[in-house]
Every structure is written in structure tokens, then in C-alpha cells.
PDB file of N, CA and C in Angstrom:
ATOM      1  N   MET A   1     -10.657  16.162   3.621  1.00  0.00           N
ATOM      2  CA  MET A   1     -10.157  15.618   2.381  1.00  0.00           C
ATOM      3  C   MET A   1     -11.253  15.538   1.337  1.00  0.00           C
ATOM      4  N   ALA A   2     -12.434  15.140   1.750  1.00  0.00           N
ATOM      5  CA  ALA A   2     -13.518  14.998   0.782  1.00  0.00           C
ATOM      6  C   ALA A   2     -13.894  16.342   0.171  1.00  0.00           C
ATOM      7  N   SER A   3     -13.820  17.406   0.972  1.00  0.00           N
ATOM      8  CA  SER A   3     -14.183  18.726   0.442  1.00  0.00           C
ATOM      9  C   SER A   3     -13.196  19.167  -0.640  1.00  0.00           C
ATOM     10  N   ARG A   4     -11.911  18.889  -0.446  1.00  0.00           N
ATOM     11  CA  ARG A   4     -10.924  19.251  -1.464  1.00  0.00           C
ATOM     12  C   ARG A   4     -11.156  18.480  -2.754  1.00  0.00           C
ATOM     13  N   LEU A   5     -11.546  17.229  -2.614  1.00  0.00           N
ATOM     14  CA  LEU A   5     -11.833  16.408  -3.785  1.00  0.00           C
ATOM     15  C   LEU A   5     -13.095  16.909  -4.482  1.00  0.00           C
ATOM     16  N   ALA A   6     -14.125  17.229  -3.695  1.00  0.00           N
ATOM     17  CA  ALA A   6     -15.392  17.695  -4.258  1.00  0.00           C
ATOM     18  C   ALA A   6     -15.231  19.046  -4.972  1.00  0.00           C
ATOM     19  N   LEU A   7     -14.348  19.888  -4.453  1.00  0.00           N
ATOM     20  CA  LEU A   7     -14.130  21.201  -5.059  1.00  0.00           C
ATOM     21  C   LEU A   7     -13.091  21.168  -6.170  1.00  0.00           C
ATOM     22  N   SER A   8     -12.630  19.975  -6.515  1.00  0.00           N
ATOM     23  CA  SER A   8     -11.628  19.770  -7.568  1.00  0.00           C
ATOM     24  C   SER A   8     -10.319  20.501  -7.269  1.00  0.00           C
ATOM     25  N   MET A   9      -9.982  20.605  -5.988  1.00  0.00           N
ATOM     26  CA  MET A   9      -8.717  21.246  -5.611  1.00  0.00           C
ATOM     27  C   MET A   9      -7.560  20.252  -5.714  1.00  0.00           C
ATOM     28  N   HIS A  10      -7.852  18.962  -5.604  1.00  0.00           N
ATOM     29  CA  HIS A  10      -6.821  17.936  -5.671  1.00  0.00           C
ATOM     30  C   HIS A  10      -7.341  16.735  -6.439  1.00  0.00           C
ATOM     31  N   TRP A  11      -6.422  16.011  -7.043  1.00  0.00           N
ATOM     32  CA  TRP A  11      -6.762  14.749  -7.668  1.00  0.00           C
ATOM     33  C   TRP A  11      -6.808  13.672  -6.595  1.00  0.00           C
ATOM     34  N   PRO A  12      -7.583  12.611  -6.801  1.00  0.00           N
ATOM     35  CA  PRO A  12      -7.635  11.523  -5.810  1.00  0.00           C
ATOM     36  C   PRO A  12      -6.250  10.942  -5.512  1.00  0.00           C
ATOM     37  N   LYS A  13      -5.424  10.841  -6.552  1.00  0.00           N
ATOM     38  CA  LYS A  13      -4.078  10.298  -6.372  1.00  0.00           C
ATOM     39  C   LYS A  13      -3.270  11.160  -5.393  1.00  0.00           C
ATOM     40  N   ASP A  14      -3.443  12.473  -5.447  1.00  0.00           N
ATOM     41  CA  ASP A  14      -2.739  13.369  -4.528  1.00  0.00           C
ATOM     42  C   ASP A  14      -3.153  13.101  -3.083  1.00  0.00           C
ATOM     43  N   LEU A  15      -4.445  12.936  -2.851  1.00  0.00           N
ATOM     44  CA  LEU A  15      -4.937  12.706  -1.497  1.00  0.00           C
ATOM     45  C   LEU A  15      -4.490  11.351  -0.950  1.00  0.00           C
ATOM     46  N   ILE A  16      -4.520  10.336  -1.796  1.00  0.00           N
ATOM     47  CA  ILE A  16      -4.080   9.003  -1.372  1.00  0.00           C
ATOM     48  C   ILE A  16      -2.591   9.025  -1.052  1.00  0.00           C
ATOM     49  N   THR A  17      -1.809   9.681  -1.901  1.00  0.00           N
ATOM     50  CA  THR A  17      -0.365   9.764  -1.680  1.00  0.00           C
ATOM     51  C   THR A  17      -0.057  10.509  -0.383  1.00  0.00           C
ATOM     52  N   ALA A  18      -0.728  11.614  -0.138  1.00  0.00           N
ATOM     53  CA  ALA A  18      -0.502  12.387   1.083  1.00  0.00           C
ATOM     54  C   ALA A  18      -0.886  11.585   2.321  1.00  0.00           C
ATOM     55  N   THR A  19      -1.968  10.833   2.237  1.00  0.00           N
ATOM     56  CA  THR A  19      -2.394  10.011   3.366  1.00  0.00           C
ATOM     57  C   THR A  19      -1.373   8.915   3.649  1.00  0.00           C
ATOM     58  N   LEU A  20      -0.899   8.255   2.619  1.00  0.00           N
ATOM     59  CA  LEU A  20       0.105   7.201   2.800  1.00  0.00           C
ATOM     60  C   LEU A  20       1.419   7.756   3.341  1.00  0.00           C
ATOM     61  N   MET A  21       1.834   8.910   2.839  1.00  0.00           N
ATOM     62  CA  MET A  21       3.068   9.520   3.335  1.00  0.00           C
ATOM     63  C   MET A  21       2.927   9.901   4.811  1.00  0.00           C
ATOM     64  N   SER A  22       1.775  10.416   5.184  1.00  0.00           N
ATOM     65  CA  SER A  22       1.532  10.771   6.580  1.00  0.00           C
ATOM     66  C   SER A  22       1.576   9.537   7.455  1.00  0.00           C
ATOM     67  N   TRP A  23       0.969   8.457   7.003  1.00  0.00           N
ATOM     68  CA  TRP A  23       0.962   7.209   7.764  1.00  0.00           C
ATOM     69  C   TRP A  23       2.387   6.695   7.971  1.00  0.00           C
ATOM     70  N   VAL A  24       3.191   6.742   6.915  1.00  0.00           N
ATOM     71  CA  VAL A  24       4.577   6.276   7.012  1.00  0.00           C
ATOM     72  C   VAL A  24       5.355   7.135   8.012  1.00  0.00           C
ATOM     73  N   LEU A  25       5.166   8.441   7.977  1.00  0.00           N
ATOM     74  CA  LEU A  25       5.871   9.323   8.902  1.00  0.00           C
ATOM     75  C   LEU A  25       5.452   9.079  10.350  1.00  0.00           C
ATOM     76  N   VAL A  26       4.171   8.834  10.592  1.00  0.00           N
ATOM     77  CA  VAL A  26       3.696   8.554  11.950  1.00  0.00           C
ATOM     78  C   VAL A  26       4.283   7.242  12.461  1.00  0.00           C
ATOM     79  N   VAL A  27       4.278   6.216  11.631  1.00  0.00           N
ATOM     80  CA  VAL A  27       4.842   4.926  12.035  1.00  0.00           C
ATOM     81  C   VAL A  27       6.331   5.077  12.318  1.00  0.00           C
ATOM     82  N   LEU A  28       7.041   5.789  11.473  1.00  0.00           N
ATOM     83  CA  LEU A  28       8.467   6.010  11.673  1.00  0.00           C
ATOM     84  C   LEU A  28       8.724   6.780  12.974  1.00  0.00           C
ATOM     85  N   ALA A  29       7.955   7.834  13.215  1.00  0.00           N
ATOM     86  CA  ALA A  29       8.139   8.632  14.426  1.00  0.00           C
ATOM     87  C   ALA A  29       7.851   7.804  15.677  1.00  0.00           C
ATOM     88  N   CYS A  30       6.799   7.008  15.665  1.00  0.00           N
ATOM     89  CA  CYS A  30       6.473   6.164  16.818  1.00  0.00           C
ATOM     90  C   CYS A  30       7.540   5.107  17.050  1.00  0.00           C
ATOM     91  N   THR A  31       8.041   4.525  15.979  1.00  0.00           N
ATOM     92  CA  THR A  31       9.092   3.513  16.102  1.00  0.00           C
ATOM     93  C   THR A  31      10.359   4.118  16.700  1.00  0.00           C
ATOM     94  N   LEU A  32      10.761   5.276  16.216  1.00  0.00           N
ATOM     95  CA  LEU A  32      11.953   5.925  16.745  1.00  0.00           C
ATOM     96  C   LEU A  32      11.756   6.362  18.193  1.00  0.00           C
ATOM     97  N   ALA A  33      10.582   6.868  18.518  1.00  0.00           N
ATOM     98  CA  ALA A  33      10.307   7.286  19.895  1.00  0.00           C
ATOM     99  C   ALA A  33      10.371   6.094  20.839  1.00  0.00           C
ATOM    100  N   GLN A  34       9.833   4.964  20.427  1.00  0.00           N
ATOM    101  CA  GLN A  34       9.888   3.767  21.274  1.00  0.00           C
ATOM    102  C   GLN A  34      11.316   3.267  21.415  1.00  0.00           C
ATOM    103  N   ARG A  35      12.092   3.361  20.368  1.00  0.00           N
ATOM    104  CA  ARG A  35      13.477   2.887  20.428  1.00  0.00           C
ATOM    105  C   ARG A  35      14.315   3.779  21.343  1.00  0.00           C
ATOM    106  N   TRP A  36      14.116   5.098  21.256  1.00  0.00           N
ATOM    107  CA  TRP A  36      14.934   6.026  22.030  1.00  0.00           C
ATOM    108  C   TRP A  36      14.409   6.252  23.444  1.00  0.00           C
ATOM    109  N   CYS A  37      13.087   6.277  23.607  1.00  0.00           N
ATOM    110  CA  CYS A  37      12.498   6.664  24.901  1.00  0.00           C
ATOM    111  C   CYS A  37      11.863   5.503  25.649  1.00  0.00           C
ATOM    112  N   GLY A  38      11.770   4.359  25.044  1.00  0.00           N
ATOM    113  CA  GLY A  38      11.109   3.226  25.676  1.00  0.00           C
ATOM    114  C   GLY A  38       9.667   3.123  25.206  1.00  0.00           C
ATOM    115  N   PRO A  39       8.925   2.192  25.774  1.00  0.00           N
ATOM    116  CA  PRO A  39       7.554   1.966  25.319  1.00  0.00           C
ATOM    117  C   PRO A  39       6.669   3.194  25.524  1.00  0.00           C
ATOM    118  N   LEU A  40       5.706   3.342  24.640  1.00  0.00           N
ATOM    119  CA  LEU A  40       4.791   4.480  24.709  1.00  0.00           C
ATOM    120  C   LEU A  40       3.536   4.150  25.518  1.00  0.00           C
ATOM    121  N   THR A  41       3.629   3.167  26.389  1.00  0.00           N
ATOM    122  CA  THR A  41       2.511   2.815  27.264  1.00  0.00           C
ATOM    123  C   THR A  41       2.907   3.110  28.701  1.00  0.00           C
ATOM    124  N   ARG A  42       1.902   3.221  29.554  1.00  0.00           N
ATOM    125  CA  ARG A  42       2.176   3.499  30.962  1.00  0.00           C
ATOM    126  C   ARG A  42       2.622   2.221  31.661  1.00  0.00           C
ATOM    127  N   SER A  43       3.490   2.394  32.640  1.00  0.00           N
ATOM    128  CA  SER A  43       3.965   1.246  33.409  1.00  0.00           C
ATOM    129  C   SER A  43       2.854   0.762  34.341  1.00  0.00           C
ATOM    130  N   PRO A  44       2.919  -0.478  34.813  1.00  0.00           N
ATOM    131  CA  PRO A  44       1.901  -0.987  35.746  1.00  0.00           C
ATOM    132  C   PRO A  44       1.793  -0.131  37.009  1.00  0.00           C
ATOM    133  N   GLN A  45       2.919   0.430  37.480  1.00  0.00           N
ATOM    134  CA  GLN A  45       2.874   1.276  38.663  1.00  0.00           C
ATOM    135  C   GLN A  45       2.061   2.549  38.400  1.00  0.00           C
ATOM    136  N   GLU A  46       2.225   3.133  37.211  1.00  0.00           N
ATOM    137  CA  GLU A  46       1.454   4.331  36.876  1.00  0.00           C
ATOM    138  C   GLU A  46      -0.028   4.010  36.768  1.00  0.00           C
ATOM    139  N   LYS A  47      -0.356   2.881  36.175  1.00  0.00           N
ATOM    140  CA  LYS A  47      -1.757   2.479  36.058  1.00  0.00           C
ATOM    141  C   LYS A  47      -2.368   2.263  37.439  1.00  0.00           C
ATOM    142  N   GLN A  48      -1.634   1.590  38.311  1.00  0.00           N
ATOM    143  CA  GLN A  48      -2.119   1.330  39.668  1.00  0.00           C
ATOM    144  C   GLN A  48      -2.326   2.643  40.416  1.00  0.00           C
ATOM    145  N   SER A  49      -1.396   3.565  40.264  1.00  0.00           N
ATOM    146  CA  SER A  49      -1.490   4.861  40.931  1.00  0.00           C
ATOM    147  C   SER A  49      -2.725   5.622  40.459  1.00  0.00           C
ATOM    148  N   ASP A  50      -2.981   5.616  39.146  1.00  0.00           N
ATOM    149  CA  ASP A  50      -4.166   6.285  38.605  1.00  0.00           C
ATOM    150  C   ASP A  50      -5.442   5.629  39.113  1.00  0.00           C
ATOM    151  N   ASP A  51      -5.476   4.310  39.185  1.00  0.00           N
ATOM    152  CA  ASP A  51      -6.650   3.604  39.693  1.00  0.00           C
ATOM    153  C   ASP A  51      -6.908   3.963  41.146  1.00  0.00           C
ATOM    154  N   ASP A  52      -5.843   4.064  41.944  1.00  0.00           N
ATOM    155  CA  ASP A  52      -5.981   4.422  43.350  1.00  0.00           C
ATOM    156  C   ASP A  52      -6.547   5.823  43.512  1.00  0.00           C
ATOM    157  N   VAL A  53      -6.094   6.750  42.669  1.00  0.00           N
ATOM    158  CA  VAL A  53      -6.578   8.124  42.735  1.00  0.00           C
ATOM    159  C   VAL A  53      -8.051   8.171  42.363  1.00  0.00           C
ATOM    160  N   LYS A  54      -8.440   7.447  41.318  1.00  0.00           N
ATOM    161  CA  LYS A  54      -9.855   7.424  40.900  1.00  0.00           C
ATOM    162  C   LYS A  54     -10.742   6.847  41.986  1.00  0.00           C
ATOM    163  N   LYS A  55     -10.296   5.804  42.650  1.00  0.00           N
ATOM    164  CA  LYS A  55     -11.085   5.180  43.718  1.00  0.00           C
ATOM    165  C   LYS A  55     -11.216   6.121  44.906  1.00  0.00           C
ATOM    166  N   GLY A  56     -10.213   6.909  45.167  1.00  0.00           N
ATOM    167  CA  GLY A  56     -10.228   7.829  46.286  1.00  0.00           C
ATOM    168  C   GLY A  56     -11.188   8.990  46.084  1.00  0.00           C
ATOM    169  N   HIS A  57     -11.485   9.332  44.831  1.00  0.00           N
ATOM    170  CA  HIS A  57     -12.364  10.456  44.540  1.00  0.00           C
ATOM    171  C   HIS A  57     -13.825  10.045  44.442  1.00  0.00           C
ATOM    172  N   GLN A  58     -14.131   8.762  44.498  1.00  0.00           N
ATOM    173  CA  GLN A  58     -15.519   8.322  44.350  1.00  0.00           C
ATOM    174  C   GLN A  58     -16.222   8.252  45.660  1.00  0.00           C
TER     175      GLN A  58
END
């Protein structure tokens, strides 16, 4: 982003607007994914399984 600003390819307002729009889209996508697919974190069973595998390889 800084290079585009330095080369006068975009106005600062354009970059700020694009960043804010991207942020809104990411928040919206994450919210919809959590609503439709459930939480975006691993379950305790998955965490325990990964810990067991790591301990077994040491």
C-alpha cells in the first residue's frame, strides 16, 4: 500500500476506503461462516489429539 501511495498511483482516501471495505468483508464472511458452520476454533478433543501426537513424536 505504501508503494502505491509513494508512486502517486492512489490517493490516501482510496487506500483507507479499500482497507475498511476489506475489513468489513472479512468480518462479514467470518460471522456468516460461524453461523452456518459453527465455531472457527478447534474442539477440545481435536486439541487433545494434537497434543498427544506431538508428545508421541518427542
